[in-house]
C-alpha cells in the first residue's frame, strides 16, 4: 500500500479497536496459583491511548479471554468499549460500531492472530502487529515495526494522529 492511501485510511479513523493478548500484551499469560492471570502492558501504549482520547477519538478492546487485569487496565485508560470472553468477535464489533455511531471505514482494528481476521477485513484500516501470524499480516493495510506488547499500539496511534494533523498539538503540551 502506498503512503498516500495509508494516510487517507488513518485520517478517517474515529474509533480504534484492538485485541488484547498479543497486541496490548506480548501474548504470554501468567496463570497464578489462585487462578487469576497476570499480564504486562506497555506504558507507551497507555500514553498513546490517552493521547487518542484527548484528540477526541474513542477506543475499544475485543478479547477472546476474560481477565480482571484487562478490565482494570481498560478502566484506568478510559477505554470506551470493552468486550471479553468473545470467541467469535463479530457481534461485539457490530455492537461497538452501532454504539459509537461510526462506519466500518472509520474503524481501525489492530490484531495479531486468526481470531482477529473477521474484524480486520471489515475495518477501514486493518493493522497487524509486527509479530502477528502470516495470515493476519497478509490482510493488513499496515504492519507495525513494534511487536505486540512492545509499543505497537502507540505506533498505530501516532500514525493515526499524524495523519489527522493532531500529533504536534498534543506533543506541544509536554514541551511547555
Foldseek 3Di string as FASTA:
>chain_A
DDPVLQLVLLQLAQEEEEEPQFAQFVNDWDQDPVRAIDTAGDVLLLVLLLLSVVVVGAYEYAYLADHVVVVVSCVVSVHPYYHYNPQQRVVSLVVVCVVVVHAQSNYEYEDAEDSCVVSQQSHNAYEYEQNGDPVSVVSGPYYAPHTHRGCRSSVSSCSSCVSNVNVVVSVVVVVD
